[in-house]
Protein backbone atom coordinates (compact mmCIF):
# COMPACT_ATOMS: atom_id res chain seq x y z
CA UNK A 1 -28.03 -9.88 -16.88
CA UNK A 2 -27.48 -13.79 -16.90
CA UNK A 3 -24.35 -15.49 -17.76
CA UNK A 4 -25.17 -17.38 -20.81
CA UNK A 5 -22.70 -19.81 -20.11
CA UNK A 6 -24.91 -21.82 -17.95
CA UNK A 7 -23.06 -21.17 -14.44
CA UNK A 8 -26.15 -19.33 -13.25
CA UNK A 9 -23.76 -16.37 -11.81
CA UNK A 10 -24.89 -13.10 -12.14
CA UNK A 11 -22.75 -10.32 -14.13
CA UNK A 12 -22.50 -6.87 -12.47
CA UNK A 13 -24.16 -4.80 -15.26
CA UNK A 14 -23.14 -1.12 -12.84
CA UNK A 15 -19.75 -1.56 -14.58
CA UNK A 16 -18.09 -2.55 -18.01
CA UNK A 17 -14.77 -3.06 -18.98
CA UNK A 18 -13.56 -1.13 -22.16
CA UNK A 19 -10.69 -3.45 -22.58
CA UNK A 20 -10.54 -6.90 -21.73
CA UNK A 21 -8.54 -7.74 -18.50
CA UNK A 22 -6.70 -10.59 -20.89
CA UNK A 23 -5.52 -8.42 -23.72
CA UNK A 24 -4.52 -6.00 -21.15
CA UNK A 25 -2.34 -8.40 -18.93
CA UNK A 26 -0.70 -9.89 -22.43
CA UNK A 27 0.04 -6.27 -23.35
CA UNK A 28 1.22 -5.54 -20.04
CA UNK A 29 4.46 -7.42 -20.57
CA UNK A 30 5.56 -5.21 -23.38
CA UNK A 31 8.15 -2.30 -22.65
CA UNK A 32 6.60 0.61 -20.84
CA UNK A 33 3.40 -1.72 -20.44
CA UNK A 34 0.92 1.23 -21.63
CA UNK A 35 -1.84 -1.54 -22.12
CA UNK A 36 -5.12 -0.17 -23.48
CA UNK A 37 -4.36 3.31 -22.56
CA UNK A 38 -3.37 5.40 -19.56
CA UNK A 39 -5.39 8.72 -19.62
CA UNK A 40 -7.49 10.46 -17.00
CA UNK A 41 -11.11 9.55 -16.56
CA UNK A 42 -12.72 11.38 -19.53
CA UNK A 43 -16.34 11.09 -18.82
CA UNK A 44 -18.60 9.04 -21.30
CA UNK A 45 -22.43 8.88 -22.50
CA UNK A 46 -25.15 9.94 -19.84
CA UNK A 47 -23.71 9.27 -16.22
CA UNK A 48 -21.20 7.00 -17.65
CA UNK A 49 -17.33 7.46 -17.38
CA UNK A 50 -14.13 6.50 -18.26
CA UNK A 51 -11.24 5.71 -15.89
CA UNK A 52 -7.69 4.32 -17.01
CA UNK A 53 -4.74 2.90 -15.41
CA UNK A 54 -2.00 0.26 -16.56
CA UNK A 55 -2.07 -2.63 -16.66
CA UNK A 56 -5.86 -2.92 -16.77
CA UNK A 57 -6.78 -0.12 -19.06
CA UNK A 58 -10.06 1.55 -19.85
CA UNK A 59 -12.54 0.86 -17.41
CA UNK A 60 -16.33 2.53 -18.12
CA UNK A 61 -18.39 3.04 -15.11
CA UNK A 62 -22.24 3.53 -15.22
CA UNK A 63 -22.13 4.82 -11.73
CA UNK A 64 -19.98 5.29 -8.58
CA UNK A 65 -19.12 1.55 -7.43
CA UNK A 66 -20.89 0.78 -3.55
CA UNK A 67 -19.22 -2.47 -3.08
CA UNK A 68 -15.36 -2.75 -4.33
CA UNK A 69 -13.46 -6.09 -3.70
CA UNK A 70 -9.95 -4.92 -2.87
CA UNK A 71 -6.57 -7.05 -1.73
CA UNK A 72 -4.15 -4.23 -0.85
CA UNK A 73 -4.98 -2.20 2.39
CA UNK A 74 -3.46 0.84 0.75
CA UNK A 75 -6.36 0.99 -1.82
CA UNK A 76 -8.62 0.76 0.69
CA UNK A 77 -7.00 3.47 2.94
CA UNK A 78 -7.67 5.81 -0.25
CA UNK A 79 -11.28 5.10 -0.29
CA UNK A 80 -11.51 5.55 3.32
CA UNK A 81 -9.81 8.95 2.58
CA UNK A 82 -11.99 9.74 0.00
CA UNK A 83 -15.48 8.94 1.84
CA UNK A 84 -16.03 5.68 0.44
CA UNK A 85 -14.70 3.34 3.46
CA UNK A 86 -18.00 1.42 3.38
CA UNK A 87 -17.92 0.83 -0.37
CA UNK A 88 -14.84 -1.77 0.38
CA UNK A 89 -16.11 -5.46 1.06
CA UNK A 90 -12.63 -7.13 1.23
CA UNK A 91 -8.95 -7.11 1.77
CA UNK A 92 -6.30 -9.49 1.18
CA UNK A 93 -5.20 -10.04 5.04
CA UNK A 94 -7.12 -8.24 7.19
CA UNK A 95 -4.43 -8.17 9.92
CA UNK A 96 -2.11 -6.24 7.84
CA UNK A 97 -4.86 -3.58 7.61
CA UNK A 98 -3.66 -0.97 10.19
CA UNK A 99 -6.87 1.38 10.97
CA UNK A 100 -5.77 2.71 14.39
CA UNK A 101 -5.01 6.03 13.17
CA UNK A 102 -8.77 6.55 12.50
CA UNK A 103 -9.30 6.88 15.71
CA UNK A 104 -7.45 9.93 16.01
CA UNK A 105 -9.84 11.30 13.22
CA UNK A 106 -13.07 12.58 14.40
CA UNK A 107 -16.39 10.61 12.63
CA UNK A 108 -13.32 8.46 10.26
CA UNK A 109 -13.92 4.39 10.81
CA UNK A 110 -14.19 1.38 9.17
CA UNK A 111 -15.46 -2.10 10.28
CA UNK A 112 -12.40 -4.07 9.66
CA UNK A 113 -14.28 -6.90 11.31
CA UNK A 114 -16.53 -7.03 8.21
CA UNK A 115 -14.40 -7.11 5.46
CA UNK A 116 -13.80 -10.83 3.84
CA UNK A 117 -9.96 -11.92 3.53
CA UNK A 118 -9.14 -12.92 0.14
CA UNK A 119 -6.10 -14.72 1.12
CA UNK A 120 -6.82 -17.79 3.23
CA UNK A 121 -3.64 -20.31 2.72
CA UNK A 122 -4.42 -19.35 -0.87
CA UNK A 123 -6.77 -17.46 -3.20
CA UNK A 124 -9.89 -19.32 -4.10
CA UNK A 125 -11.55 -17.37 -6.88
CA UNK A 126 -15.07 -18.35 -5.77
CA UNK A 127 -14.82 -15.77 -2.65
CA UNK A 128 -15.07 -12.94 -5.84
CA UNK A 129 -18.24 -14.33 -7.02
CA UNK A 130 -19.57 -14.40 -3.50
CA UNK A 131 -18.65 -10.77 -2.86
CA UNK A 132 -20.11 -10.06 -6.52
CA UNK A 133 -18.41 -6.47 -5.98
CA UNK A 134 -19.20 -3.79 -8.58
CA UNK A 135 -15.13 -3.26 -9.31
CA UNK A 136 -12.17 -5.45 -8.17
CA UNK A 137 -9.83 -2.80 -6.98
CA UNK A 138 -6.91 -5.14 -7.44
CA UNK A 139 -3.90 -5.45 -10.23
CA UNK A 140 -4.68 -8.87 -11.66
CA UNK A 141 -1.17 -9.62 -12.36
CA UNK A 142 -0.46 -9.75 -8.13
CA UNK A 143 -3.01 -12.52 -8.44
CA UNK A 144 -1.42 -14.39 -10.90
CA UNK A 145 2.06 -14.04 -9.89
CA UNK A 146 1.56 -14.70 -6.23
CA UNK A 147 -0.91 -17.35 -5.59
CA UNK A 148 -1.14 -21.06 -7.27
CA UNK A 149 -4.20 -21.60 -8.94
CA UNK A 150 -5.08 -18.09 -10.03
CA UNK A 151 -4.55 -18.24 -14.03
CA UNK A 152 -5.50 -15.91 -16.65
CA UNK A 153 -8.67 -17.54 -17.39
CA UNK A 154 -9.77 -17.35 -13.86
CA UNK A 155 -9.21 -13.40 -14.25
CA UNK A 156 -10.83 -13.29 -17.66
CA UNK A 157 -13.78 -14.98 -16.08
CA UNK A 158 -14.12 -12.76 -13.19
CA UNK A 159 -13.86 -9.88 -15.31
CA UNK A 160 -16.59 -11.30 -17.86
CA UNK A 161 -19.16 -12.87 -15.20
CA UNK A 162 -18.63 -10.49 -12.24
CA UNK A 163 -16.86 -6.98 -12.41
CA UNK A 164 -13.64 -5.66 -14.59
CA UNK A 165 -10.38 -5.29 -12.66
CA UNK A 166 -8.26 -1.88 -11.75
CA UNK A 167 -5.38 -1.26 -10.27
CA UNK A 168 -1.85 -1.52 -10.09
CA UNK A 169 0.72 -2.97 -7.38
CA UNK A 170 2.55 0.08 -5.91
CA UNK A 171 3.86 -0.96 -2.81
CA UNK A 172 7.33 -2.28 -3.64
CA UNK A 173 9.18 -2.02 -7.26
CA UNK A 174 11.29 -5.43 -6.56
CA UNK A 175 9.10 -7.64 -8.56
CA UNK A 176 10.60 -9.26 -11.95
CA UNK A 177 7.13 -9.76 -13.36
CA UNK A 178 5.96 -5.83 -12.62
CA UNK A 179 7.67 -4.71 -16.04
CA UNK A 180 4.87 -2.10 -16.71
CA UNK A 181 4.45 1.68 -15.51
CA UNK A 182 4.21 2.05 -11.51
CA UNK A 183 2.47 5.16 -9.88
CA UNK A 184 3.60 6.92 -6.83
CA UNK A 185 0.95 6.97 -3.84
CA UNK A 186 -0.67 10.13 -5.02
CA UNK A 187 -0.68 9.30 -8.77
CA UNK A 188 -2.53 5.68 -7.73
CA UNK A 189 -4.82 7.69 -5.28
CA UNK A 190 -6.11 10.22 -8.07
CA UNK A 191 -6.76 7.38 -10.18
CA UNK A 192 -9.06 5.87 -7.12
CA UNK A 193 -10.55 9.38 -6.90
CA UNK A 194 -11.67 9.18 -10.50
CA UNK A 195 -13.25 5.80 -10.02
CA UNK A 196 -15.40 7.60 -6.81
CA UNK A 197 -15.53 10.79 -8.59
CA UNK A 198 -14.01 12.44 -5.81
CA UNK A 199 -11.21 14.81 -7.73
CA UNK A 200 -11.89 17.86 -5.33
CA UNK A 201 -11.66 15.73 -2.33
CA UNK A 202 -8.48 14.44 -3.45
CA UNK A 203 -6.94 17.79 -4.27
CA UNK A 204 -8.05 18.96 -0.72
CA UNK A 205 -5.94 15.99 0.72
CA UNK A 206 -3.21 16.54 -1.58
CA UNK A 207 -2.81 19.99 -0.63
CA UNK A 208 -2.79 19.21 3.16
CA UNK A 209 0.00 16.46 2.28
CA UNK A 210 2.11 18.73 0.05
CA UNK A 211 1.76 21.42 2.92
CA UNK A 212 2.90 19.26 5.76
CA UNK A 213 6.12 17.84 3.55
CA UNK A 214 7.05 21.30 2.83
CA UNK A 215 6.98 22.25 6.40
CA UNK A 216 8.99 19.01 7.57
CA UNK A 217 11.26 19.38 4.84
CA UNK A 218 12.27 23.07 5.25
CA UNK A 219 13.42 21.99 8.77
CA UNK A 220 15.12 18.89 7.85
CA UNK A 221 19.14 18.50 8.89
CA UNK A 222 21.56 18.50 5.88
CA UNK A 223 21.89 15.44 4.23
CA UNK A 224 25.23 14.41 5.84
CA UNK A 225 23.43 14.72 9.18
CA UNK A 226 20.52 12.21 8.35
CA UNK A 227 21.19 8.46 9.26
CA UNK A 228 20.57 5.58 6.96
CA UNK A 229 18.62 2.76 7.58
CA UNK A 230 18.11 -0.83 7.44
CA UNK A 231 14.51 -2.06 6.60
CA UNK A 232 13.41 -5.55 7.07
CA UNK A 233 10.37 -7.84 8.16
CA UNK A 234 10.66 -10.13 11.19
CA UNK A 235 7.45 -10.72 13.30
CA UNK A 236 7.79 -12.14 16.82
CA UNK A 237 9.31 -10.71 20.04
CA UNK A 238 12.57 -12.16 19.78
CA UNK A 239 13.80 -12.10 15.98
CA UNK A 240 16.94 -13.80 15.06
CA UNK A 241 16.41 -13.80 11.17
CA UNK A 242 15.14 -10.96 9.14
CA UNK A 243 13.92 -10.45 5.24
CA UNK A 244 15.51 -7.33 4.01
CA UNK A 245 13.69 -4.91 2.11
CA UNK A 246 15.55 -2.21 0.04
CA UNK A 247 14.84 1.40 1.47
CA UNK A 248 16.16 2.59 -1.77
CA UNK A 249 12.93 1.00 -3.49
CA UNK A 250 10.53 3.53 -4.71
CA UNK A 251 7.61 1.73 -3.68
CA UNK A 252 4.83 3.65 -1.85
CA UNK A 253 5.38 1.82 1.38
CA UNK A 254 9.02 3.56 1.61
CA UNK A 255 7.78 7.21 0.70
CA UNK A 256 8.03 8.42 4.26
CA UNK A 257 11.61 7.63 4.27
CA UNK A 258 12.57 9.08 0.90
CA UNK A 259 10.62 12.24 1.73
CA UNK A 260 12.88 12.31 5.06
CA UNK A 261 15.69 11.84 3.41
CA UNK A 262 16.69 8.36 5.26
CA UNK A 263 19.11 6.47 3.10
CA UNK A 264 19.60 2.75 2.58
CA UNK A 265 21.97 1.19 4.69
CA UNK A 266 22.07 -1.97 2.35
CA UNK A 267 23.17 0.11 -0.83
CA UNK A 268 26.35 -1.59 -2.20
CA UNK A 269 26.07 -4.45 -0.16
CA UNK A 270 24.79 -6.91 -2.57
CA UNK A 271 21.55 -7.77 -0.81
CA UNK A 272 18.42 -8.10 -2.68
CA UNK A 273 15.06 -6.47 -1.36
CA UNK A 274 12.10 -9.12 -0.37
CA UNK A 275 10.28 -9.82 -3.43
CA UNK A 276 8.05 -12.48 -5.16
CA UNK A 277 11.30 -14.09 -6.46
CA UNK A 278 13.34 -13.38 -3.37
CA UNK A 279 12.83 -14.66 0.06
CA UNK A 280 16.57 -14.50 1.41
CA UNK A 281 17.42 -13.95 4.94
CA UNK A 282 19.79 -12.14 6.98
CA UNK A 283 21.08 -12.49 10.56
CA UNK A 284 22.72 -10.37 13.21
CA UNK A 285 26.10 -11.20 11.71
CA UNK A 286 25.22 -9.85 8.25
CA UNK A 287 23.66 -6.63 10.12
CA UNK A 288 27.00 -6.30 11.71
CA UNK A 289 29.07 -6.31 8.64
CA UNK A 290 26.67 -3.18 7.47
CA UNK A 291 26.31 -1.53 10.71
CA UNK A 292 23.29 0.36 10.09
CA UNK A 293 22.62 3.95 11.55
CA UNK A 294 18.83 2.61 12.08
CA UNK A 295 17.13 -0.48 11.91
CA UNK A 296 13.44 -0.57 10.77
CA UNK A 297 11.48 -3.68 11.51
CA UNK A 298 8.26 -4.45 10.10
CA UNK A 299 5.53 -7.01 11.52
CA UNK A 300 4.87 -5.04 14.49
CA UNK A 301 2.45 -2.30 13.89
CA UNK A 302 -0.27 -3.48 16.51
CA UNK A 303 2.55 -2.50 19.36
CA UNK A 304 2.64 0.99 20.48
CA UNK A 305 6.46 2.26 20.33
CA UNK A 306 6.83 1.47 23.97
CA UNK A 307 5.68 -1.90 23.84
CA UNK A 308 7.95 -2.54 20.85
CA UNK A 309 10.97 -0.95 22.82
CA UNK A 310 10.18 -3.24 25.71
CA UNK A 311 10.00 -6.28 23.72
CA UNK A 312 11.81 -6.45 20.14
CA UNK A 313 14.38 -3.61 21.25
CA UNK A 314 15.08 -5.05 24.66
CA UNK A 315 15.58 -8.52 23.46
CA UNK A 316 18.55 -7.06 20.82
CA UNK A 317 19.80 -4.95 23.49
CA UNK A 318 20.23 -8.32 25.70
CA UNK A 319 21.58 -10.21 22.50
CA UNK A 320 25.42 -11.30 22.46
CA UNK A 321 25.50 -10.29 18.66
CA UNK A 322 23.04 -7.55 18.30
CA UNK A 323 23.92 -5.42 21.17
CA UNK A 324 27.28 -4.77 19.09
CA UNK A 325 25.06 -3.00 16.46
CA UNK A 326 25.07 0.36 16.57
CA UNK A 327 21.44 1.34 15.97
CA UNK A 328 20.85 -0.92 19.22
CA UNK A 329 23.40 0.99 21.32
CA UNK A 330 21.98 4.16 20.16
CA UNK A 331 18.43 2.96 20.49
CA UNK A 332 17.59 3.78 16.78
CA UNK A 333 15.38 0.61 16.29
CA UNK A 334 12.04 1.25 15.05
CA UNK A 335 8.70 -0.19 14.19
CA UNK A 336 8.78 -0.36 10.01
CA UNK A 337 5.45 0.93 9.23
CA UNK A 338 2.81 -1.18 7.20
CA UNK A 339 3.71 -3.09 4.06
CA UNK A 340 0.90 -1.72 2.44
CA UNK A 341 0.26 2.02 3.09
CA UNK A 342 -2.42 4.90 1.84
CA UNK A 343 -2.80 8.62 2.13
CA UNK A 344 -4.26 8.53 5.53
CA UNK A 345 -1.62 6.20 7.16
CA UNK A 346 1.34 8.28 5.07
CA UNK A 347 0.62 11.36 6.99
CA UNK A 348 0.86 9.47 10.47
CA UNK A 349 3.96 7.76 9.01
CA UNK A 350 5.48 11.03 8.03
CA UNK A 351 4.80 12.53 11.20
CA UNK A 352 5.95 9.36 13.22
CA UNK A 353 9.56 9.04 11.59
CA UNK A 354 10.07 12.76 11.57
CA UNK A 355 9.89 12.91 15.48
CA UNK A 356 11.76 9.50 15.93
CA UNK A 357 14.68 10.25 13.51
CA UNK A 358 14.81 13.72 14.49
CA UNK A 359 13.14 14.53 18.13
CA UNK A 360 15.38 17.63 18.56
CA UNK A 361 13.62 19.30 15.34
CA UNK A 362 10.31 17.86 15.50
CA UNK A 363 8.03 17.15 18.36
CA UNK A 364 3.77 16.69 19.01
CA UNK A 365 1.32 16.35 16.08
CA UNK A 366 2.60 17.96 12.65
CA UNK A 367 -0.52 18.37 10.97
CA UNK A 368 -4.10 19.02 11.91
CA UNK A 369 -6.37 16.28 12.78
CA UNK A 370 -9.57 18.05 12.44
CA UNK A 371 -8.78 18.94 9.15
CA UNK A 372 -7.95 15.58 7.73
CA UNK A 373 -11.38 14.33 9.41
CA UNK A 374 -13.11 17.26 7.89
CA UNK A 375 -11.89 16.45 4.06
CA UNK A 376 -12.78 12.93 4.67
CA UNK A 377 -16.21 13.38 5.95
CA UNK A 378 -17.12 16.16 3.64
CA UNK A 379 -17.55 18.89 6.34
CA UNK A 380 -14.35 21.09 5.00
């Protein structure tokens, strides 16, 4: 179908929005934010089916999307987990999509270099037309509130002329503009499974995750013996300033810490978490006032554990102030994990931090790589 606006752009007719994104976004600011419904996929006429998620509302699909424009790597990881990694055509920032864990899963991979980066010193909406995806797996409010130049009119035009939006910003819960429903990792994963019509595969993955969690949590030390953690972001091998994040935040990027009972060292400190509105920093003097049991530093996921210890931890051990921190003295300074994580990554992160925090209890591989791979590839 040719767009009758005269722009000459082709409208994707694989998908049609059951509720306009503009209406959904306007309603999203209301208390509870249940714009345009929040039911499960309920089928439809013929081969069509409807999926729904706050704040984007109902989206009717005439078939499983083959090309999906995506921003958050966590959602890309969900697509891979469901056997549809080849549908993802983009991510926001390619370097923040950590795919190294796929190398441990036979037959599982994604060509990360082929993914278009949506963020290039800002967002140019023309790239969405060039990608011509069947679906935008993106919370439109993320685009409106983070990048200058992406207006509601731009989002409405993309929804009308290219494809609808579907998604929710779930990796953190500290943004003031996100005043509508959040989803847990597996609640969002289930929604994406409905998009790809892979409910059974999702259920298999969820069952494996639940078994891992039950096994790990059965052997956790008592709460009083579990350390707290200070989560922050700092790139570079010799960090002096850190952007704090709140471990108590229920965003999906903290799931493994909550599952392991690691408490927030910043609780009661008055320090806020990193968000769109808060870009405050702390230094070693501020850290020393809190003196956390452990420090989790994000921005180093391309390093191995040993490479991190040889650079960042080594620098801190030689630093006049940082060396006074209990976490540094005891060697409990870890890579903090990805900012955006999906279900595959979460399995590996749960294992990583269980063995890092409680080495006397957990060691080696805590879940079956072959079982995960077979679910993803459909060989189970």
